[in-house]
Amino acid sequence: MSTDNVFKALSSTPRRRILAYLSKSPLTAGEIADRFDISKPAISKHLSILLASGLVQEEKKGLYVTYSLVEENVANALMSFLSEVCSLNRFTQEGSADSDALSEPAQE
């Protein structure tokens, strides 16, 4: 799974929407297509890009192929990217400081 393939997959609004649908439950290509106003071949192309990125997996069940989100790959890809471009220690410490400030009552 390459970071470039992941970000290529995430660069498309329909693909991000497919990931959101799959985060709730596995779906067939037909069930995914029913949620969009685009052609089934276009959905198939989006699914092939998501499969190539490793963000989605497919499983044949009888006559149908079911697609599901690979949550671990999504998390790993995004954390890998963040670790390349951000100092995670600084990011985490600043986030903690911000959340601490929000939890304290305002002083008048």
PDB file of N, CA and C in Angstrom:
ATOM      1  N   MET A   1       0.852  -1.176   0.000  1.00  0.00           N
ATOM      2  CA  MET A   1       0.000   0.000   0.000  1.00  0.00           C
ATOM      3  C   MET A   1       0.898   1.239   0.000  1.00  0.00           C
ATOM      4  N   SER A   2       0.832   2.007  -1.066  1.00  0.00           N
ATOM      5  CA  SER A   2       1.663   3.205  -1.135  1.00  0.00           C
ATOM      6  C   SER A   2       0.850   4.437  -0.738  1.00  0.00           C
ATOM      7  N   THR A   3       1.528   5.388  -0.139  1.00  0.00           N
ATOM      8  CA  THR A   3       0.879   6.630   0.262  1.00  0.00           C
ATOM      9  C   THR A   3       0.314   7.350  -0.947  1.00  0.00           C
ATOM     10  N   ASP A   4       1.031   7.303  -2.083  1.00  0.00           N
ATOM     11  CA  ASP A   4       0.533   7.946  -3.301  1.00  0.00           C
ATOM     12  C   ASP A   4      -0.799   7.350  -3.737  1.00  0.00           C
ATOM     13  N   ASN A   5      -0.906   6.013  -3.707  1.00  0.00           N
ATOM     14  CA  ASN A   5      -2.166   5.366  -4.091  1.00  0.00           C
ATOM     15  C   ASN A   5      -3.295   5.721  -3.133  1.00  0.00           C
ATOM     16  N   VAL A   6      -2.974   5.819  -1.861  1.00  0.00           N
ATOM     17  CA  VAL A   6      -3.995   6.178  -0.874  1.00  0.00           C
ATOM     18  C   VAL A   6      -4.509   7.583  -1.148  1.00  0.00           C
ATOM     19  N   PHE A   7      -3.605   8.532  -1.368  1.00  0.00           N
ATOM     20  CA  PHE A   7      -4.059   9.901  -1.598  1.00  0.00           C
ATOM     21  C   PHE A   7      -4.725  10.069  -2.954  1.00  0.00           C
ATOM     22  N   LYS A   8      -4.328   9.272  -3.931  1.00  0.00           N
ATOM     23  CA  LYS A   8      -5.056   9.265  -5.207  1.00  0.00           C
ATOM     24  C   LYS A   8      -6.487   8.807  -4.948  1.00  0.00           C
ATOM     25  N   ALA A   9      -6.642   7.756  -4.156  1.00  0.00           N
ATOM     26  CA  ALA A   9      -7.977   7.244  -3.839  1.00  0.00           C
ATOM     27  C   ALA A   9      -8.800   8.279  -3.078  1.00  0.00           C
ATOM     28  N   LEU A  10      -8.170   8.989  -2.154  1.00  0.00           N
ATOM     29  CA  LEU A  10      -8.885   9.967  -1.333  1.00  0.00           C
ATOM     30  C   LEU A  10      -9.152  11.288  -2.051  1.00  0.00           C
ATOM     31  N   SER A  11      -8.555  11.482  -3.220  1.00  0.00           N
ATOM     32  CA  SER A  11      -8.695  12.756  -3.933  1.00  0.00           C
ATOM     33  C   SER A  11     -10.056  12.926  -4.598  1.00  0.00           C
ATOM     34  N   SER A  12     -10.851  11.888  -4.629  1.00  0.00           N
ATOM     35  CA  SER A  12     -12.143  11.920  -5.312  1.00  0.00           C
ATOM     36  C   SER A  12     -13.292  11.927  -4.308  1.00  0.00           C
ATOM     37  N   THR A  13     -14.212  12.868  -4.476  1.00  0.00           N
ATOM     38  CA  THR A  13     -15.379  12.929  -3.593  1.00  0.00           C
ATOM     39  C   THR A  13     -16.206  11.647  -3.642  1.00  0.00           C
ATOM     40  N   PRO A  14     -16.511  11.098  -4.822  1.00  0.00           N
ATOM     41  CA  PRO A  14     -17.266   9.829  -4.819  1.00  0.00           C
ATOM     42  C   PRO A  14     -16.538   8.708  -4.072  1.00  0.00           C
ATOM     43  N   ARG A  15     -15.229   8.630  -4.202  1.00  0.00           N
ATOM     44  CA  ARG A  15     -14.494   7.578  -3.486  1.00  0.00           C
ATOM     45  C   ARG A  15     -14.536   7.804  -1.980  1.00  0.00           C
ATOM     46  N   ARG A  16     -14.440   9.047  -1.545  1.00  0.00           N
ATOM     47  CA  ARG A  16     -14.552   9.326  -0.106  1.00  0.00           C
ATOM     48  C   ARG A  16     -15.952   8.969   0.396  1.00  0.00           C
ATOM     49  N   ARG A  17     -16.964   9.230  -0.419  1.00  0.00           N
ATOM     50  CA  ARG A  17     -18.335   8.857  -0.033  1.00  0.00           C
ATOM     51  C   ARG A  17     -18.488   7.342   0.024  1.00  0.00           C
ATOM     52  N   ILE A  18     -17.884   6.624  -0.924  1.00  0.00           N
ATOM     53  CA  ILE A  18     -17.922   5.160  -0.889  1.00  0.00           C
ATOM     54  C   ILE A  18     -17.294   4.663   0.410  1.00  0.00           C
ATOM     55  N   LEU A  19     -16.151   5.223   0.784  1.00  0.00           N
ATOM     56  CA  LEU A  19     -15.499   4.827   2.044  1.00  0.00           C
ATOM     57  C   LEU A  19     -16.420   5.087   3.237  1.00  0.00           C
ATOM     58  N   ALA A  20     -17.116   6.207   3.218  1.00  0.00           N
ATOM     59  CA  ALA A  20     -18.040   6.521   4.316  1.00  0.00           C
ATOM     60  C   ALA A  20     -19.168   5.494   4.384  1.00  0.00           C
ATOM     61  N   TYR A  21     -19.723   5.123   3.237  1.00  0.00           N
ATOM     62  CA  TYR A  21     -20.774   4.095   3.224  1.00  0.00           C
ATOM     63  C   TYR A  21     -20.235   2.764   3.733  1.00  0.00           C
ATOM     64  N   LEU A  22     -19.037   2.401   3.282  1.00  0.00           N
ATOM     65  CA  LEU A  22     -18.455   1.122   3.690  1.00  0.00           C
ATOM     66  C   LEU A  22     -18.056   1.116   5.163  1.00  0.00           C
ATOM     67  N   SER A  23     -17.873   2.287   5.751  1.00  0.00           N
ATOM     68  CA  SER A  23     -17.536   2.339   7.177  1.00  0.00           C
ATOM     69  C   SER A  23     -18.712   1.886   8.039  1.00  0.00           C
ATOM     70  N   LYS A  24     -19.903   1.930   7.471  1.00  0.00           N
ATOM     71  CA  LYS A  24     -21.095   1.510   8.210  1.00  0.00           C
ATOM     72  C   LYS A  24     -21.373   0.023   8.040  1.00  0.00           C
ATOM     73  N   SER A  25     -21.148  -0.507   6.819  1.00  0.00           N
ATOM     74  CA  SER A  25     -21.360  -1.939   6.573  1.00  0.00           C
ATOM     75  C   SER A  25     -20.827  -2.304   5.195  1.00  0.00           C
ATOM     76  N   PRO A  26     -20.467  -3.576   5.000  1.00  0.00           N
ATOM     77  CA  PRO A  26     -20.047  -4.031   3.671  1.00  0.00           C
ATOM     78  C   PRO A  26     -21.217  -3.916   2.686  1.00  0.00           C
ATOM     79  N   LEU A  27     -20.888  -3.636   1.421  1.00  0.00           N
ATOM     80  CA  LEU A  27     -21.910  -3.468   0.385  1.00  0.00           C
ATOM     81  C   LEU A  27     -21.455  -4.112  -0.911  1.00  0.00           C
ATOM     82  N   THR A  28     -22.415  -4.503  -1.736  1.00  0.00           N
ATOM     83  CA  THR A  28     -22.093  -4.958  -3.087  1.00  0.00           C
ATOM     84  C   THR A  28     -21.940  -3.737  -3.984  1.00  0.00           C
ATOM     85  N   ALA A  29     -21.387  -3.943  -5.171  1.00  0.00           N
ATOM     86  CA  ALA A  29     -21.229  -2.836  -6.122  1.00  0.00           C
ATOM     87  C   ALA A  29     -22.586  -2.242  -6.478  1.00  0.00           C
ATOM     88  N   GLY A  30     -23.588  -3.098  -6.631  1.00  0.00           N
ATOM     89  CA  GLY A  30     -24.936  -2.617  -6.945  1.00  0.00           C
ATOM     90  C   GLY A  30     -25.510  -1.753  -5.840  1.00  0.00           C
ATOM     91  N   GLU A  31     -25.290  -2.161  -4.590  1.00  0.00           N
ATOM     92  CA  GLU A  31     -25.777  -1.375  -3.452  1.00  0.00           C
ATOM     93  C   GLU A  31     -25.058  -0.030  -3.376  1.00  0.00           C
ATOM     94  N   ILE A  32     -23.792  -0.028  -3.714  1.00  0.00           N
ATOM     95  CA  ILE A  32     -23.039   1.232  -3.741  1.00  0.00           C
ATOM     96  C   ILE A  32     -23.561   2.112  -4.866  1.00  0.00           C
ATOM     97  N   ALA A  33     -23.735   1.530  -6.050  1.00  0.00           N
ATOM     98  CA  ALA A  33     -24.200   2.291  -7.216  1.00  0.00           C
ATOM     99  C   ALA A  33     -25.570   2.916  -6.969  1.00  0.00           C
ATOM    100  N   ASP A  34     -26.436   2.224  -6.229  1.00  0.00           N
ATOM    101  CA  ASP A  34     -27.774   2.751  -5.933  1.00  0.00           C
ATOM    102  C   ASP A  34     -27.722   4.055  -5.150  1.00  0.00           C
ATOM    103  N   ARG A  35     -26.625   4.324  -4.482  1.00  0.00           N
ATOM    104  CA  ARG A  35     -26.497   5.529  -3.656  1.00  0.00           C
ATOM    105  C   ARG A  35     -25.948   6.726  -4.443  1.00  0.00           C
ATOM    106  N   PHE A  36     -25.625   6.512  -5.723  1.00  0.00           N
ATOM    107  CA  PHE A  36     -25.000   7.550  -6.540  1.00  0.00           C
ATOM    108  C   PHE A  36     -25.796   7.794  -7.814  1.00  0.00           C
ATOM    109  N   ASP A  37     -25.607   8.956  -8.368  1.00  0.00           N
ATOM    110  CA  ASP A  37     -26.218   9.305  -9.649  1.00  0.00           C
ATOM    111  C   ASP A  37     -25.144   9.284 -10.740  1.00  0.00           C
ATOM    112  N   ILE A  38     -24.331   8.219 -10.741  1.00  0.00           N
ATOM    113  CA  ILE A  38     -23.321   8.031 -11.777  1.00  0.00           C
ATOM    114  C   ILE A  38     -23.421   6.597 -12.287  1.00  0.00           C
ATOM    115  N   SER A  39     -22.805   6.330 -13.418  1.00  0.00           N
ATOM    116  CA  SER A  39     -22.940   5.021 -14.063  1.00  0.00           C
ATOM    117  C   SER A  39     -22.279   3.905 -13.254  1.00  0.00           C
ATOM    118  N   LYS A  40     -22.755   2.685 -13.471  1.00  0.00           N
ATOM    119  CA  LYS A  40     -22.150   1.526 -12.804  1.00  0.00           C
ATOM    120  C   LYS A  40     -20.698   1.323 -13.235  1.00  0.00           C
ATOM    121  N   PRO A  41     -20.350   1.549 -14.522  1.00  0.00           N
ATOM    122  CA  PRO A  41     -18.932   1.451 -14.878  1.00  0.00           C
ATOM    123  C   PRO A  41     -18.061   2.465 -14.122  1.00  0.00           C
ATOM    124  N   ALA A  42     -18.602   3.654 -13.861  1.00  0.00           N
ATOM    125  CA  ALA A  42     -17.843   4.654 -13.097  1.00  0.00           C
ATOM    126  C   ALA A  42     -17.646   4.177 -11.655  1.00  0.00           C
ATOM    127  N   ILE A  43     -18.688   3.583 -11.071  1.00  0.00           N
ATOM    128  CA  ILE A  43     -18.568   3.024  -9.714  1.00  0.00           C
ATOM    129  C   ILE A  43     -17.519   1.924  -9.706  1.00  0.00           C
ATOM    130  N   SER A  44     -17.542   1.075 -10.734  1.00  0.00           N
ATOM    131  CA  SER A  44     -16.566  -0.016 -10.839  1.00  0.00           C
ATOM    132  C   SER A  44     -15.140   0.526 -10.887  1.00  0.00           C
ATOM    133  N   LYS A  45     -14.932   1.609 -11.627  1.00  0.00           N
ATOM    134  CA  LYS A  45     -13.606   2.233 -11.714  1.00  0.00           C
ATOM    135  C   LYS A  45     -13.180   2.781 -10.346  1.00  0.00           C
ATOM    136  N   HIS A  46     -14.105   3.440  -9.662  1.00  0.00           N
ATOM    137  CA  HIS A  46     -13.799   3.955  -8.321  1.00  0.00           C
ATOM    138  C   HIS A  46     -13.432   2.812  -7.374  1.00  0.00           C
ATOM    139  N   LEU A  47     -14.182   1.716  -7.446  1.00  0.00           N
ATOM    140  CA  LEU A  47     -13.895   0.568  -6.581  1.00  0.00           C
ATOM    141  C   LEU A  47     -12.535  -0.041  -6.897  1.00  0.00           C
ATOM    142  N   SER A  48     -12.168  -0.086  -8.177  1.00  0.00           N
ATOM    143  CA  SER A  48     -10.857  -0.657  -8.523  1.00  0.00           C
ATOM    144  C   SER A  48      -9.725   0.208  -7.984  1.00  0.00           C
ATOM    145  N   ILE A  49      -9.895   1.515  -7.978  1.00  0.00           N
ATOM    146  CA  ILE A  49      -8.883   2.421  -7.416  1.00  0.00           C
ATOM    147  C   ILE A  49      -8.802   2.235  -5.897  1.00  0.00           C
ATOM    148  N   LEU A  50      -9.952   2.097  -5.253  1.00  0.00           N
ATOM    149  CA  LEU A  50      -9.962   1.873  -3.803  1.00  0.00           C
ATOM    150  C   LEU A  50      -9.334   0.532  -3.445  1.00  0.00           C
ATOM    151  N   LEU A  51      -9.583  -0.487  -4.256  1.00  0.00           N
ATOM    152  CA  LEU A  51      -8.960  -1.798  -4.029  1.00  0.00           C
ATOM    153  C   LEU A  51      -7.448  -1.711  -4.187  1.00  0.00           C
ATOM    154  N   ALA A  52      -6.992  -1.030  -5.241  1.00  0.00           N
ATOM    155  CA  ALA A  52      -5.554  -0.896  -5.496  1.00  0.00           C
ATOM    156  C   ALA A  52      -4.855  -0.133  -4.371  1.00  0.00           C
ATOM    157  N   SER A  53      -5.569   0.777  -3.739  1.00  0.00           N
ATOM    158  CA  SER A  53      -4.984   1.563  -2.648  1.00  0.00           C
ATOM    159  C   SER A  53      -4.883   0.758  -1.357  1.00  0.00           C
ATOM    160  N   GLY A  54      -5.632  -0.331  -1.259  1.00  0.00           N
ATOM    161  CA  GLY A  54      -5.639  -1.124  -0.036  1.00  0.00           C
ATOM    162  C   GLY A  54      -6.629  -0.640   1.009  1.00  0.00           C
ATOM    163  N   LEU A  55      -7.411   0.393   0.678  1.00  0.00           N
ATOM    164  CA  LEU A  55      -8.379   0.928   1.633  1.00  0.00           C
ATOM    165  C   LEU A  55      -9.653   0.092   1.691  1.00  0.00           C
ATOM    166  N   VAL A  56      -9.881  -0.702   0.627  1.00  0.00           N
ATOM    167  CA  VAL A  56     -11.082  -1.523   0.509  1.00  0.00           C
ATOM    168  C   VAL A  56     -10.651  -2.934   0.131  1.00  0.00           C
ATOM    169  N   GLN A  57     -11.411  -3.906   0.598  1.00  0.00           N
ATOM    170  CA  GLN A  57     -11.174  -5.293   0.188  1.00  0.00           C
ATOM    171  C   GLN A  57     -12.474  -5.860  -0.369  1.00  0.00           C
ATOM    172  N   GLU A  58     -12.345  -6.913  -1.166  1.00  0.00           N
ATOM    173  CA  GLU A  58     -13.530  -7.545  -1.730  1.00  0.00           C
ATOM    174  C   GLU A  58     -13.583  -9.001  -1.294  1.00  0.00           C
ATOM    175  N   GLU A  59     -14.807  -9.506  -1.199  1.00  0.00           N
ATOM    176  CA  GLU A  59     -15.010 -10.906  -0.823  1.00  0.00           C
ATOM    177  C   GLU A  59     -16.164 -11.452  -1.650  1.00  0.00           C
ATOM    178  N   LYS A  60     -15.908 -12.541  -2.353  1.00  0.00           N
ATOM    179  CA  LYS A  60     -16.953 -13.162  -3.161  1.00  0.00           C
ATOM    180  C   LYS A  60     -17.846 -13.987  -2.252  1.00  0.00           C
ATOM    181  N   LYS A  61     -19.147 -13.714  -2.329  1.00  0.00           N
ATOM    182  CA  LYS A  61     -20.149 -14.449  -1.553  1.00  0.00           C
ATOM    183  C   LYS A  61     -21.214 -14.935  -2.528  1.00  0.00           C
ATOM    184  N   GLY A  62     -21.084 -16.176  -2.956  1.00  0.00           N
ATOM    185  CA  GLY A  62     -22.030 -16.705  -3.935  1.00  0.00           C
ATOM    186  C   GLY A  62     -21.890 -15.973  -5.254  1.00  0.00           C
ATOM    187  N   LEU A  63     -22.975 -15.368  -5.708  1.00  0.00           N
ATOM    188  CA  LEU A  63     -22.969 -14.640  -6.977  1.00  0.00           C
ATOM    189  C   LEU A  63     -22.483 -13.202  -6.831  1.00  0.00           C
ATOM    190  N   TYR A  64     -22.341 -12.745  -5.610  1.00  0.00           N
ATOM    191  CA  TYR A  64     -22.034 -11.336  -5.368  1.00  0.00           C
ATOM    192  C   TYR A  64     -20.621 -11.140  -4.838  1.00  0.00           C
ATOM    193  N   VAL A  65     -20.099  -9.961  -5.107  1.00  0.00           N
ATOM    194  CA  VAL A  65     -18.834  -9.532  -4.517  1.00  0.00           C
ATOM    195  C   VAL A  65     -19.182  -8.424  -3.532  1.00  0.00           C
ATOM    196  N   THR A  66     -18.765  -8.612  -2.302  1.00  0.00           N
ATOM    197  CA  THR A  66     -19.026  -7.627  -1.259  1.00  0.00           C
ATOM    198  C   THR A  66     -17.746  -6.844  -0.990  1.00  0.00           C
ATOM    199  N   TYR A  67     -17.892  -5.533  -0.878  1.00  0.00           N
ATOM    200  CA  TYR A  67     -16.764  -4.642  -0.607  1.00  0.00           C
ATOM    201  C   TYR A  67     -16.857  -4.166   0.833  1.00  0.00           C
ATOM    202  N   SER A  68     -15.702  -4.089   1.491  1.00  0.00           N
ATOM    203  CA  SER A  68     -15.674  -3.595   2.867  1.00  0.00           C
ATOM    204  C   SER A  68     -14.441  -2.720   3.079  1.00  0.00           C
ATOM    205  N   LEU A  69     -14.558  -1.833   4.039  1.00  0.00           N
ATOM    206  CA  LEU A  69     -13.480  -0.920   4.399  1.00  0.00           C
ATOM    207  C   LEU A  69     -12.419  -1.675   5.191  1.00  0.00           C
ATOM    208  N   VAL A  70     -11.155  -1.411   4.897  1.00  0.00           N
ATOM    209  CA  VAL A  70     -10.055  -1.969   5.686  1.00  0.00           C
ATOM    210  C   VAL A  70      -9.595  -0.837   6.611  1.00  0.00           C
ATOM    211  N   GLU A  71     -10.266  -0.735   7.761  1.00  0.00           N
ATOM    212  CA  GLU A  71     -10.043   0.392   8.673  1.00  0.00           C
ATOM    213  C   GLU A  71      -8.589   0.525   9.092  1.00  0.00           C
ATOM    214  N   GLU A  72      -7.939  -0.588   9.347  1.00  0.00           N
ATOM    215  CA  GLU A  72      -6.539  -0.553   9.780  1.00  0.00           C
ATOM    216  C   GLU A  72      -5.657   0.102   8.716  1.00  0.00           C
ATOM    217  N   ASN A  73      -5.901  -0.198   7.445  1.00  0.00           N
ATOM    218  CA  ASN A  73      -5.101   0.403   6.375  1.00  0.00           C
ATOM    219  C   ASN A  73      -5.367   1.900   6.250  1.00  0.00           C
ATOM    220  N   VAL A  74      -6.620   2.303   6.440  1.00  0.00           N
ATOM    221  CA  VAL A  74      -6.945   3.733   6.408  1.00  0.00           C
ATOM    222  C   VAL A  74      -6.176   4.448   7.519  1.00  0.00           C
ATOM    223  N   ALA A  75      -6.265   3.923   8.728  1.00  0.00           N
ATOM    224  CA  ALA A  75      -5.590   4.543   9.878  1.00  0.00           C
ATOM    225  C   ALA A  75      -4.078   4.555   9.697  1.00  0.00           C
ATOM    226  N   ASN A  76      -3.509   3.434   9.261  1.00  0.00           N
ATOM    227  CA  ASN A  76      -2.054   3.359   9.081  1.00  0.00           C
ATOM    228  C   ASN A  76      -1.566   4.339   8.025  1.00  0.00           C
ATOM    229  N   ALA A  77      -2.286   4.452   6.922  1.00  0.00           N
ATOM    230  CA  ALA A  77      -1.872   5.363   5.852  1.00  0.00           C
ATOM    231  C   ALA A  77      -1.890   6.809   6.329  1.00  0.00           C
ATOM    232  N   LEU A  78      -2.941   7.180   7.028  1.00  0.00           N
ATOM    233  CA  LEU A  78      -3.038   8.563   7.492  1.00  0.00           C
ATOM    234  C   LEU A  78      -2.020   8.865   8.590  1.00  0.00           C
ATOM    235  N   MET A  79      -1.803   7.925   9.498  1.00  0.00           N
ATOM    236  CA  MET A  79      -0.796   8.134  10.543  1.00  0.00           C
ATOM    237  C   MET A  79       0.609   8.191   9.949  1.00  0.00           C
ATOM    238  N   SER A  80       0.869   7.375   8.949  1.00  0.00           N
ATOM    239  CA  SER A  80       2.171   7.397   8.285  1.00  0.00           C
ATOM    240  C   SER A  80       2.417   8.758   7.648  1.00  0.00           C
ATOM    241  N   PHE A  81       1.403   9.278   6.975  1.00  0.00           N
ATOM    242  CA  PHE A  81       1.527  10.596   6.353  1.00  0.00           C
ATOM    243  C   PHE A  81       1.760  11.669   7.414  1.00  0.00           C
ATOM    244  N   LEU A  82       0.976  11.632   8.479  1.00  0.00           N
ATOM    245  CA  LEU A  82       1.143  12.628   9.541  1.00  0.00           C
ATOM    246  C   LEU A  82       2.531  12.576  10.150  1.00  0.00           C
ATOM    247  N   SER A  83       3.069  11.379  10.328  1.00  0.00           N
ATOM    248  CA  SER A  83       4.401  11.269  10.929  1.00  0.00           C
ATOM    249  C   SER A  83       5.480  11.809  10.000  1.00  0.00           C
ATOM    250  N   GLU A  84       5.212  11.798   8.684  1.00  0.00           N
ATOM    251  CA  GLU A  84       6.175  12.351   7.729  1.00  0.00           C
ATOM    252  C   GLU A  84       6.169  13.872   7.718  1.00  0.00           C
ATOM    253  N   VAL A  85       5.012  14.482   7.935  1.00  0.00           N
ATOM    254  CA  VAL A  85       4.912  15.932   7.763  1.00  0.00           C
ATOM    255  C   VAL A  85       4.736  16.709   9.063  1.00  0.00           C
ATOM    256  N   CYS A  86       4.447  16.018  10.144  1.00  0.00           N
ATOM    257  CA  CYS A  86       4.241  16.694  11.426  1.00  0.00           C
ATOM    258  C   CYS A  86       5.122  16.057  12.482  1.00  0.00           C
ATOM    259  N   SER A  87       5.503  16.859  13.430  1.00  0.00           N
ATOM    260  CA  SER A  87       6.136  16.303  14.613  1.00  0.00           C
ATOM    261  C   SER A  87       4.999  15.812  15.497  1.00  0.00           C
ATOM    262  N   LEU A  88       4.803  14.490  15.543  1.00  0.00           N
ATOM    263  CA  LEU A  88       3.662  13.954  16.281  1.00  0.00           C
ATOM    264  C   LEU A  88       3.732  14.292  17.760  1.00  0.00           C
ATOM    265  N   ASN A  89       4.935  14.366  18.324  1.00  0.00           N
ATOM    266  CA  ASN A  89       5.046  14.734  19.737  1.00  0.00           C
ATOM    267  C   ASN A  89       4.517  16.141  19.961  1.00  0.00           C
ATOM    268  N   ARG A  90       4.939  17.061  19.091  1.00  0.00           N
ATOM    269  CA  ARG A  90       4.472  18.437  19.219  1.00  0.00           C
ATOM    270  C   ARG A  90       2.970  18.499  18.979  1.00  0.00           C
ATOM    271  N   PHE A  91       2.523  17.798  17.953  1.00  0.00           N
ATOM    272  CA  PHE A  91       1.106  17.776  17.604  1.00  0.00           C
ATOM    273  C   PHE A  91       0.280  17.243  18.777  1.00  0.00           C
ATOM    274  N   THR A  92       0.718  16.155  19.378  1.00  0.00           N
ATOM    275  CA  THR A  92       0.003  15.545  20.496  1.00  0.00           C
ATOM    276  C   THR A  92       0.042  16.450  21.719  1.00  0.00           C
ATOM    277  N   GLN A  93       1.216  17.037  22.012  1.00  0.00           N
ATOM    278  CA  GLN A  93       1.328  17.908  23.181  1.00  0.00           C
ATOM    279  C   GLN A  93       0.459  19.143  23.022  1.00  0.00           C
ATOM    280  N   GLU A  94       0.472  19.743  21.823  1.00  0.00           N
ATOM    281  CA  GLU A  94      -0.353  20.924  21.603  1.00  0.00           C
ATOM    282  C   GLU A  94      -1.823  20.562  21.701  1.00  0.00           C
ATOM    283  N   GLY A  95      -2.184  19.407  21.144  1.00  0.00           N
ATOM    284  CA  GLY A  95      -3.567  18.954  21.225  1.00  0.00           C
ATOM    285  C   GLY A  95      -3.995  18.749  22.664  1.00  0.00           C
ATOM    286  N   SER A  96      -3.095  18.187  23.489  1.00  0.00           N
ATOM    287  CA  SER A  96      -3.404  17.972  24.902  1.00  0.00           C
ATOM    288  C   SER A  96      -3.554  19.303  25.624  1.00  0.00           C
ATOM    289  N   ALA A  97      -2.663  20.236  25.330  1.00  0.00           N
ATOM    290  CA  ALA A  97      -2.731  21.545  25.975  1.00  0.00           C
ATOM    291  C   ALA A  97      -4.031  22.244  25.601  1.00  0.00           C
ATOM    292  N   ASP A  98      -4.412  22.166  24.327  1.00  0.00           N
ATOM    293  CA  ASP A  98      -5.654  22.791  23.890  1.00  0.00           C
ATOM    294  C   ASP A  98      -6.855  22.154  24.575  1.00  0.00           C
ATOM    295  N   SER A  99      -6.854  20.830  24.677  1.00  0.00           N
ATOM    296  CA  SER A  99      -8.000  20.162  25.300  1.00  0.00           C
ATOM    297  C   SER A  99      -8.038  20.445  26.796  1.00  0.00           C
ATOM    298  N   ASP A 100      -6.863  20.586  27.448  1.00  0.00           N
ATOM    299  CA  ASP A 100      -6.830  20.937  28.868  1.00  0.00           C
ATOM    300  C   ASP A 100      -7.424  22.325  29.082  1.00  0.00           C
ATOM    301  N   ALA A 101      -7.069  23.250  28.206  1.00  0.00           N
ATOM    302  CA  ALA A 101      -7.580  24.614  28.325  1.00  0.00           C
ATOM    303  C   ALA A 101      -9.095  24.641  28.147  1.00  0.00           C
ATOM    304  N   LEU A 102      -9.599  23.810  27.253  1.00  0.00           N
ATOM    305  CA  LEU A 102     -11.035  23.782  27.019  1.00  0.00           C
ATOM    306  C   LEU A 102     -11.791  23.187  28.201  1.00  0.00           C
ATOM    307  N   SER A 103     -11.157  22.283  28.932  1.00  0.00           N
ATOM    308  CA  SER A 103     -11.851  21.616  30.037  1.00  0.00           C
ATOM    309  C   SER A 103     -11.855  22.456  31.312  1.00  0.00           C
ATOM    310  N   GLU A 104     -11.006  23.493  31.385  1.00  0.00           N
ATOM    311  CA  GLU A 104     -10.956  24.346  32.569  1.00  0.00           C
ATOM    312  C   GLU A 104     -12.044  25.410  32.477  1.00  0.00           C
ATOM    313  N   PRO A 105     -12.699  25.720  33.603  1.00  0.00           N
ATOM    314  CA  PRO A 105     -13.710  26.781  33.573  1.00  0.00           C
ATOM    315  C   PRO A 105     -13.058  28.134  33.294  1.00  0.00           C
ATOM    316  N   ALA A 106     -13.770  28.970  32.615  1.00  0.00           N
ATOM    317  CA  ALA A 106     -13.253  30.299  32.275  1.00  0.00           C
ATOM    318  C   ALA A 106     -13.116  31.135  33.538  1.00  0.00           C
ATOM    319  N   GLN A 107     -12.011  31.883  33.642  1.00  0.00           N
ATOM    320  CA  GLN A 107     -11.759  32.771  34.776  1.00  0.00           C
ATOM    321  C   GLN A 107     -12.331  34.143  34.443  1.00  0.00           C
ATOM    322  N   GLU A 108     -13.096  34.700  35.365  1.00  0.00           N
ATOM    323  CA  GLU A 108     -13.656  36.036  35.122  1.00  0.00           C
ATOM    324  C   GLU A 108     -12.943  37.074  35.921  1.00  0.00           C
TER     325      GLU A 108
END
